Amino acid sequence: MSGFKDHNFGDRLSAAAKAKQALLERFRSRPGPDDPAVREREEARKAVAAAREARTAERKAQREAEAARIAAEEAARKADEEARAKALEAEQKARAATMEAERKAARDARYAARKARKR
């Protein structure tokens, strides 16, 4: 069985030091912020973010336009309903006035007939 029992403390210590050194070398070999590849990736990220913001703004504008259209349709519908209600009310008033005039004419005719009979 091979494993940690085959290695003494010195071997483990040197392996840890090598691992730290490899990690440090890997960190040092990373490109800096002024490296063209890093700049290119950063600009690509910025372009993606700008495109995302543009799409978000476009969707927001579409939602607002749709809300405005719906509000305009609702206002037109309400105005139409109010106009119909006023027209119906005016028609009912006219019908009531006509009926009242007919009743009055009939009453006046009965009164005139009664007067004519008495003479």
N, C-alpha and C. Protein backbone atom coordinates (compact mmCIF):
# COMPACT_ATOMS: atom_id res chain seq x y z
N MET A 1 0.84 -1.17 0.00
CA MET A 1 0.00 0.00 0.00
C MET A 1 0.88 1.23 0.00
N SER A 2 0.76 2.00 -1.07
CA SER A 2 1.56 3.23 -1.12
C SER A 2 0.67 4.39 -0.74
N GLY A 3 1.22 5.36 -0.15
CA GLY A 3 0.45 6.51 0.29
C GLY A 3 1.31 7.39 1.15
N PHE A 4 0.70 7.99 2.11
CA PHE A 4 1.44 8.91 2.96
C PHE A 4 2.41 8.18 3.88
N LYS A 5 2.18 6.93 4.15
CA LYS A 5 3.05 6.20 5.06
C LYS A 5 4.43 5.99 4.46
N ASP A 6 4.53 5.96 3.12
CA ASP A 6 5.81 5.77 2.46
C ASP A 6 6.64 7.05 2.45
N HIS A 7 5.97 8.18 2.62
CA HIS A 7 6.67 9.47 2.56
C HIS A 7 6.93 9.97 3.97
N ASN A 8 8.10 10.51 4.15
CA ASN A 8 8.38 11.07 5.47
C ASN A 8 7.98 12.54 5.47
N PHE A 9 8.16 13.18 6.60
CA PHE A 9 7.73 14.56 6.77
C PHE A 9 8.46 15.49 5.81
N GLY A 10 9.70 15.28 5.56
CA GLY A 10 10.48 16.12 4.66
C GLY A 10 9.95 16.07 3.23
N ASP A 11 9.56 14.84 2.80
CA ASP A 11 8.99 14.71 1.45
C ASP A 11 7.69 15.49 1.33
N ARG A 12 6.87 15.38 2.35
CA ARG A 12 5.60 16.10 2.32
C ARG A 12 5.81 17.60 2.35
N LEU A 13 6.79 18.05 3.13
CA LEU A 13 7.09 19.47 3.22
C LEU A 13 7.59 19.99 1.89
N SER A 14 8.46 19.25 1.23
CA SER A 14 8.98 19.72 -0.07
C SER A 14 7.89 19.67 -1.14
N ALA A 15 6.97 18.71 -1.08
CA ALA A 15 5.87 18.64 -2.04
C ALA A 15 4.94 19.85 -1.86
N ALA A 16 4.70 20.23 -0.61
CA ALA A 16 3.86 21.40 -0.34
C ALA A 16 4.53 22.66 -0.86
N ALA A 17 5.84 22.78 -0.66
CA ALA A 17 6.58 23.94 -1.14
C ALA A 17 6.55 24.01 -2.65
N LYS A 18 6.70 22.86 -3.32
CA LYS A 18 6.63 22.83 -4.78
C LYS A 18 5.24 23.25 -5.26
N ALA A 19 4.22 22.78 -4.59
CA ALA A 19 2.85 23.14 -4.98
C ALA A 19 2.63 24.64 -4.82
N LYS A 20 3.13 25.21 -3.73
CA LYS A 20 3.00 26.66 -3.52
C LYS A 20 3.76 27.42 -4.59
N GLN A 21 4.96 26.93 -4.92
CA GLN A 21 5.78 27.59 -5.94
C GLN A 21 5.09 27.52 -7.30
N ALA A 22 4.47 26.38 -7.62
CA ALA A 22 3.77 26.23 -8.89
C ALA A 22 2.56 27.17 -8.95
N LEU A 23 1.85 27.29 -7.85
CA LEU A 23 0.71 28.20 -7.78
C LEU A 23 1.16 29.65 -7.96
N LEU A 24 2.26 30.00 -7.31
CA LEU A 24 2.80 31.35 -7.43
C LEU A 24 3.24 31.63 -8.87
N GLU A 25 3.88 30.64 -9.51
CA GLU A 25 4.30 30.82 -10.90
C GLU A 25 3.09 30.98 -11.82
N ARG A 26 2.06 30.19 -11.55
CA ARG A 26 0.86 30.30 -12.37
C ARG A 26 0.22 31.68 -12.21
N PHE A 27 0.22 32.21 -10.99
CA PHE A 27 -0.33 33.55 -10.73
C PHE A 27 0.51 34.61 -11.43
N ARG A 28 1.83 34.47 -11.37
CA ARG A 28 2.72 35.46 -12.00
C ARG A 28 2.64 35.43 -13.52
N SER A 29 2.33 34.27 -14.08
CA SER A 29 2.29 34.14 -15.54
C SER A 29 0.98 34.68 -16.12
N ARG A 30 0.02 34.99 -15.26
CA ARG A 30 -1.25 35.54 -15.76
C ARG A 30 -1.00 36.88 -16.43
N PRO A 31 -1.73 37.18 -17.49
CA PRO A 31 -1.53 38.47 -18.16
C PRO A 31 -2.04 39.62 -17.30
N GLY A 32 -1.40 40.76 -17.43
CA GLY A 32 -1.78 41.93 -16.64
C GLY A 32 -2.96 42.66 -17.25
N PRO A 33 -3.43 43.70 -16.59
CA PRO A 33 -4.60 44.44 -17.09
C PRO A 33 -4.33 45.18 -18.40
N ASP A 34 -3.07 45.42 -18.74
CA ASP A 34 -2.76 46.11 -19.98
C ASP A 34 -2.47 45.16 -21.13
N ASP A 35 -2.62 43.86 -20.90
CA ASP A 35 -2.40 42.86 -21.95
C ASP A 35 -3.53 42.95 -22.99
N PRO A 36 -3.22 42.84 -24.27
CA PRO A 36 -4.26 42.97 -25.31
C PRO A 36 -5.39 41.95 -25.16
N ALA A 37 -5.08 40.72 -24.78
CA ALA A 37 -6.12 39.70 -24.63
C ALA A 37 -7.07 40.07 -23.49
N VAL A 38 -6.51 40.58 -22.39
CA VAL A 38 -7.34 40.99 -21.25
C VAL A 38 -8.22 42.16 -21.66
N ARG A 39 -7.63 43.11 -22.37
CA ARG A 39 -8.41 44.27 -22.83
C ARG A 39 -9.54 43.83 -23.77
N GLU A 40 -9.22 42.90 -24.65
CA GLU A 40 -10.22 42.41 -25.59
C GLU A 40 -11.38 41.74 -24.86
N ARG A 41 -11.07 40.90 -23.86
CA ARG A 41 -12.13 40.24 -23.09
C ARG A 41 -12.97 41.27 -22.34
N GLU A 42 -12.31 42.28 -21.76
CA GLU A 42 -13.03 43.32 -21.03
C GLU A 42 -13.95 44.11 -21.96
N GLU A 43 -13.47 44.43 -23.15
CA GLU A 43 -14.30 45.16 -24.10
C GLU A 43 -15.46 44.29 -24.58
N ALA A 44 -15.21 43.01 -24.74
CA ALA A 44 -16.29 42.10 -25.13
C ALA A 44 -17.35 42.05 -24.03
N ARG A 45 -16.91 42.01 -22.78
CA ARG A 45 -17.84 42.02 -21.65
C ARG A 45 -18.66 43.31 -21.64
N LYS A 46 -17.99 44.43 -21.89
CA LYS A 46 -18.69 45.72 -21.92
C LYS A 46 -19.70 45.77 -23.06
N ALA A 47 -19.33 45.22 -24.21
CA ALA A 47 -20.25 45.20 -25.36
C ALA A 47 -21.48 44.36 -25.05
N VAL A 48 -21.27 43.21 -24.41
CA VAL A 48 -22.40 42.35 -24.04
C VAL A 48 -23.30 43.07 -23.04
N ALA A 49 -22.69 43.75 -22.06
CA ALA A 49 -23.49 44.48 -21.07
C ALA A 49 -24.27 45.61 -21.73
N ALA A 50 -23.65 46.33 -22.66
CA ALA A 50 -24.34 47.42 -23.35
C ALA A 50 -25.50 46.88 -24.18
N ALA A 51 -25.28 45.74 -24.85
CA ALA A 51 -26.35 45.13 -25.65
C ALA A 51 -27.50 44.69 -24.74
N ARG A 52 -27.16 44.14 -23.59
CA ARG A 52 -28.18 43.71 -22.63
C ARG A 52 -29.00 44.90 -22.16
N GLU A 53 -28.32 46.01 -21.83
CA GLU A 53 -29.02 47.21 -21.39
C GLU A 53 -29.92 47.76 -22.49
N ALA A 54 -29.44 47.70 -23.74
CA ALA A 54 -30.25 48.19 -24.86
C ALA A 54 -31.51 47.33 -25.02
N ARG A 55 -31.35 46.00 -24.91
CA ARG A 55 -32.52 45.12 -25.02
C ARG A 55 -33.49 45.38 -23.88
N THR A 56 -32.96 45.60 -22.68
CA THR A 56 -33.82 45.88 -21.54
C THR A 56 -34.58 47.17 -21.75
N ALA A 57 -33.90 48.21 -22.23
CA ALA A 57 -34.56 49.49 -22.49
C ALA A 57 -35.61 49.34 -23.59
N GLU A 58 -35.31 48.54 -24.60
CA GLU A 58 -36.28 48.33 -25.68
C GLU A 58 -37.53 47.62 -25.16
N ARG A 59 -37.33 46.59 -24.34
CA ARG A 59 -38.48 45.88 -23.77
C ARG A 59 -39.30 46.81 -22.88
N LYS A 60 -38.62 47.66 -22.12
CA LYS A 60 -39.33 48.60 -21.25
C LYS A 60 -40.14 49.58 -22.10
N ALA A 61 -39.56 50.07 -23.19
CA ALA A 61 -40.27 50.99 -24.07
C ALA A 61 -41.49 50.30 -24.70
N GLN A 62 -41.33 49.04 -25.07
CA GLN A 62 -42.46 48.29 -25.64
C GLN A 62 -43.57 48.12 -24.61
N ARG A 63 -43.18 47.80 -23.37
CA ARG A 63 -44.20 47.66 -22.31
C ARG A 63 -44.93 48.97 -22.08
N GLU A 64 -44.17 50.09 -22.06
CA GLU A 64 -44.80 51.39 -21.84
C GLU A 64 -45.72 51.76 -23.01
N ALA A 65 -45.29 51.46 -24.24
CA ALA A 65 -46.13 51.75 -25.40
C ALA A 65 -47.41 50.92 -25.36
N GLU A 66 -47.28 49.66 -24.97
CA GLU A 66 -48.46 48.79 -24.87
C GLU A 66 -49.40 49.31 -23.78
N ALA A 67 -48.84 49.73 -22.65
CA ALA A 67 -49.67 50.26 -21.57
C ALA A 67 -50.38 51.54 -22.03
N ALA A 68 -49.68 52.39 -22.77
CA ALA A 68 -50.30 53.63 -23.28
C ALA A 68 -51.41 53.30 -24.28
N ARG A 69 -51.17 52.31 -25.14
CA ARG A 69 -52.20 51.91 -26.10
C ARG A 69 -53.44 51.36 -25.39
N ILE A 70 -53.21 50.54 -24.38
CA ILE A 70 -54.33 49.98 -23.63
C ILE A 70 -55.09 51.08 -22.90
N ALA A 71 -54.36 52.04 -22.33
CA ALA A 71 -55.01 53.16 -21.64
C ALA A 71 -55.83 54.00 -22.62
N ALA A 72 -55.30 54.22 -23.82
CA ALA A 72 -56.05 54.99 -24.82
C ALA A 72 -57.30 54.25 -25.25
N GLU A 73 -57.18 52.94 -25.45
CA GLU A 73 -58.36 52.14 -25.82
C GLU A 73 -59.40 52.18 -24.71
N GLU A 74 -58.94 52.09 -23.47
CA GLU A 74 -59.86 52.13 -22.33
C GLU A 74 -60.56 53.48 -22.25
N ALA A 75 -59.81 54.57 -22.46
CA ALA A 75 -60.40 55.91 -22.44
C ALA A 75 -61.43 56.05 -23.56
N ALA A 76 -61.11 55.55 -24.75
CA ALA A 76 -62.05 55.63 -25.87
C ALA A 76 -63.30 54.81 -25.57
N ARG A 77 -63.11 53.64 -24.98
CA ARG A 77 -64.26 52.79 -24.64
C ARG A 77 -65.15 53.47 -23.62
N LYS A 78 -64.53 54.10 -22.60
CA LYS A 78 -65.32 54.80 -21.58
C LYS A 78 -66.07 55.98 -22.19
N ALA A 79 -65.39 56.73 -23.06
CA ALA A 79 -66.05 57.86 -23.70
C ALA A 79 -67.22 57.38 -24.55
N ASP A 80 -67.06 56.28 -25.25
CA ASP A 80 -68.13 55.71 -26.07
C ASP A 80 -69.30 55.28 -25.19
N GLU A 81 -68.99 54.63 -24.07
CA GLU A 81 -70.06 54.20 -23.14
C GLU A 81 -70.80 55.40 -22.58
N GLU A 82 -70.05 56.45 -22.21
CA GLU A 82 -70.69 57.65 -21.67
C GLU A 82 -71.58 58.31 -22.72
N ALA A 83 -71.11 58.35 -23.97
CA ALA A 83 -71.91 58.95 -25.04
C ALA A 83 -73.18 58.14 -25.27
N ARG A 84 -73.05 56.81 -25.26
CA ARG A 84 -74.24 55.96 -25.42
C ARG A 84 -75.22 56.16 -24.27
N ALA A 85 -74.68 56.25 -23.06
CA ALA A 85 -75.55 56.44 -21.89
C ALA A 85 -76.28 57.78 -21.98
N LYS A 86 -75.58 58.84 -22.40
CA LYS A 86 -76.21 60.15 -22.53
C LYS A 86 -77.27 60.13 -23.63
N ALA A 87 -76.97 59.46 -24.74
CA ALA A 87 -77.93 59.36 -25.84
C ALA A 87 -79.17 58.60 -25.38
N LEU A 88 -78.97 57.51 -24.65
CA LEU A 88 -80.09 56.73 -24.14
C LEU A 88 -80.92 57.55 -23.17
N GLU A 89 -80.24 58.29 -22.30
CA GLU A 89 -80.95 59.13 -21.33
C GLU A 89 -81.76 60.21 -22.05
N ALA A 90 -81.15 60.83 -23.07
CA ALA A 90 -81.86 61.86 -23.83
C ALA A 90 -83.06 61.26 -24.55
N GLU A 91 -82.90 60.05 -25.11
CA GLU A 91 -84.01 59.38 -25.78
C GLU A 91 -85.14 59.07 -24.81
N GLN A 92 -84.77 58.62 -23.60
CA GLN A 92 -85.80 58.31 -22.60
C GLN A 92 -86.53 59.58 -22.16
N LYS A 93 -85.77 60.68 -22.02
CA LYS A 93 -86.41 61.94 -21.64
C LYS A 93 -87.35 62.42 -22.75
N ALA A 94 -86.91 62.28 -23.99
CA ALA A 94 -87.76 62.68 -25.12
C ALA A 94 -89.02 61.82 -25.17
N ARG A 95 -88.86 60.51 -24.97
CA ARG A 95 -90.00 59.60 -24.97
C ARG A 95 -90.96 59.95 -23.83
N ALA A 96 -90.41 60.25 -22.65
CA ALA A 96 -91.24 60.63 -21.51
C ALA A 96 -91.98 61.93 -21.79
N ALA A 97 -91.29 62.91 -22.40
CA ALA A 97 -91.93 64.18 -22.72
C ALA A 97 -93.04 63.97 -23.75
N THR A 98 -92.81 63.10 -24.74
CA THR A 98 -93.83 62.81 -25.76
C THR A 98 -95.04 62.14 -25.11
N MET A 99 -94.79 61.18 -24.23
CA MET A 99 -95.89 60.48 -23.56
C MET A 99 -96.67 61.44 -22.68
N GLU A 100 -95.96 62.34 -22.00
CA GLU A 100 -96.62 63.32 -21.14
C GLU A 100 -97.48 64.25 -22.00
N ALA A 101 -96.94 64.66 -23.15
CA ALA A 101 -97.72 65.53 -24.05
C ALA A 101 -98.95 64.80 -24.57
N GLU A 102 -98.82 63.51 -24.89
CA GLU A 102 -99.97 62.72 -25.35
C GLU A 102 -101.00 62.58 -24.25
N ARG A 103 -100.57 62.33 -23.02
CA ARG A 103 -101.51 62.22 -21.89
C ARG A 103 -102.25 63.54 -21.67
N LYS A 104 -101.46 64.63 -21.76
CA LYS A 104 -102.07 65.95 -21.57
C LYS A 104 -103.08 66.23 -22.69
N ALA A 105 -102.73 65.87 -23.92
CA ALA A 105 -103.64 66.09 -25.05
C ALA A 105 -104.91 65.25 -24.85
N ALA A 106 -104.75 64.00 -24.40
CA ALA A 106 -105.91 63.13 -24.17
C ALA A 106 -106.76 63.70 -23.04
N ARG A 107 -106.14 64.17 -21.99
CA ARG A 107 -106.87 64.77 -20.86
C ARG A 107 -107.62 66.02 -21.32
N ASP A 108 -106.92 66.86 -22.10
CA ASP A 108 -107.57 68.07 -22.60
C ASP A 108 -108.74 67.72 -23.52
N ALA A 109 -108.57 66.65 -24.31
CA ALA A 109 -109.66 66.23 -25.21
C ALA A 109 -110.85 65.76 -24.38
N ARG A 110 -110.60 64.99 -23.32
CA ARG A 110 -111.70 64.53 -22.45
C ARG A 110 -112.39 65.71 -21.79
N TYR A 111 -111.59 66.67 -21.32
CA TYR A 111 -112.16 67.86 -20.67
C TYR A 111 -113.02 68.64 -21.67
N ALA A 112 -112.51 68.81 -22.89
CA ALA A 112 -113.26 69.54 -23.92
C ALA A 112 -114.54 68.79 -24.27
N ALA A 113 -114.48 67.46 -24.33
CA ALA A 113 -115.68 66.67 -24.62
C ALA A 113 -116.69 66.80 -23.52
N ARG A 114 -116.27 66.79 -22.28
CA ARG A 114 -117.18 66.94 -21.14
C ARG A 114 -117.84 68.33 -21.18
N LYS A 115 -117.05 69.36 -21.49
CA LYS A 115 -117.59 70.71 -21.59
C LYS A 115 -118.62 70.80 -22.71
N ALA A 116 -118.30 70.12 -23.82
CA ALA A 116 -119.20 70.16 -24.96
C ALA A 116 -120.52 69.46 -24.64
N ARG A 117 -120.49 68.40 -23.84
CA ARG A 117 -121.71 67.67 -23.46
C ARG A 117 -122.59 68.49 -22.54
N LYS A 118 -121.96 69.27 -21.67
CA LYS A 118 -122.71 70.07 -20.70
C LYS A 118 -123.42 71.22 -21.40
N ARG A 119 -123.03 71.66 -22.48
CA ARG A 119 -123.64 72.80 -23.15
C ARG A 119 -124.83 72.42 -23.90
